[in-house]
Amino acid sequence: MANACHYMVLIPRLVRSFPFTKKQVHIETYCEKTNRSGFDPHIGCGECHALPPIFEERDIQPGGPK
């Protein structure tokens, strides 16, 4: 629900880290548009949706914003 990109595919896997332990669900991500995988599903691959302006780099002047 955090990222509604229709190109992103979530692939669940059941993983057991050690024998005789409970299985855990691991989620793998895949983008059908860019053929990328392994990115954070909350953010996405970065191709379709631009980052909000608060995350963009900008020149910071001494003395605060003007």
Protein backbone atom coordinates (compact mmCIF):
# COMPACT_ATOMS: atom_id res chain seq x y z
CA MET A 1 0.00 0.00 0.00
CA ALA A 2 2.99 2.31 0.40
CA ASN A 3 3.80 2.24 -3.32
CA ALA A 4 1.06 1.78 -5.89
CA CYS A 5 3.27 1.52 -9.00
CA HIS A 6 1.61 -0.94 -11.36
CA TYR A 7 5.00 -2.02 -12.82
CA MET A 8 6.27 -3.27 -9.46
CA VAL A 9 5.89 -6.97 -8.74
CA LEU A 10 6.30 -8.35 -5.22
CA ILE A 11 7.53 -11.94 -5.02
CA PRO A 12 7.08 -13.61 -1.61
CA ARG A 13 9.41 -16.43 -0.53
CA LEU A 14 9.36 -18.59 2.58
CA VAL A 15 12.86 -18.76 4.06
CA ARG A 16 14.19 -20.78 6.95
CA SER A 17 17.51 -19.36 8.12
CA PHE A 18 18.45 -22.40 10.25
CA PRO A 19 17.03 -25.91 10.37
CA PHE A 20 14.22 -26.37 12.90
CA THR A 21 13.39 -22.65 13.04
CA LYS A 22 10.20 -20.99 11.91
CA LYS A 23 9.87 -19.99 8.30
CA GLN A 24 9.90 -16.26 7.56
CA VAL A 25 8.42 -14.42 4.61
CA HIS A 26 10.94 -12.50 2.51
CA ILE A 27 9.73 -10.18 -0.22
CA GLU A 28 11.67 -9.71 -3.45
CA THR A 29 10.85 -6.77 -5.70
CA TYR A 30 10.94 -6.56 -9.47
CA CYS A 31 10.10 -3.72 -11.86
CA GLU A 32 8.56 -4.87 -15.16
CA LYS A 33 9.32 -1.54 -16.87
CA THR A 34 13.05 -1.27 -16.10
CA ASN A 35 13.81 -4.97 -15.39
CA ARG A 36 15.41 -3.99 -12.07
CA SER A 37 15.16 -6.00 -8.88
CA GLY A 38 16.25 -5.77 -5.28
CA PHE A 39 15.00 -2.26 -4.43
CA ASP A 40 13.02 -1.05 -1.43
CA PRO A 41 9.31 -1.68 -2.10
CA HIS A 42 8.31 1.48 -0.20
CA ILE A 43 10.36 3.69 -2.52
CA GLY A 44 10.26 1.79 -5.82
CA CYS A 45 12.93 1.56 -8.49
CA GLY A 46 13.04 5.34 -8.95
CA GLU A 47 12.14 5.39 -12.63
CA CYS A 48 8.38 6.05 -12.77
CA HIS A 49 7.78 8.32 -9.81
CA ALA A 50 9.96 11.29 -8.97
CA LEU A 51 11.06 11.83 -5.39
CA PRO A 52 9.22 14.51 -3.41
CA PRO A 53 11.00 17.89 -3.37
CA ILE A 54 12.01 17.45 0.27
CA PHE A 55 14.41 14.65 -0.80
CA GLU A 56 16.02 16.55 -3.68
CA GLU A 57 19.48 18.02 -3.21
CA ARG A 58 19.75 21.76 -3.34
CA ASP A 59 22.32 24.38 -2.45
CA ILE A 60 22.11 25.27 1.22
CA GLN A 61 23.21 28.80 2.02
CA PRO A 62 24.86 29.61 5.36
CA GLY A 63 22.38 31.28 7.66
CA GLY A 64 19.38 29.15 6.72
CA PRO A 65 16.87 29.24 3.86
CA LYS A 66 16.09 32.52 2.13
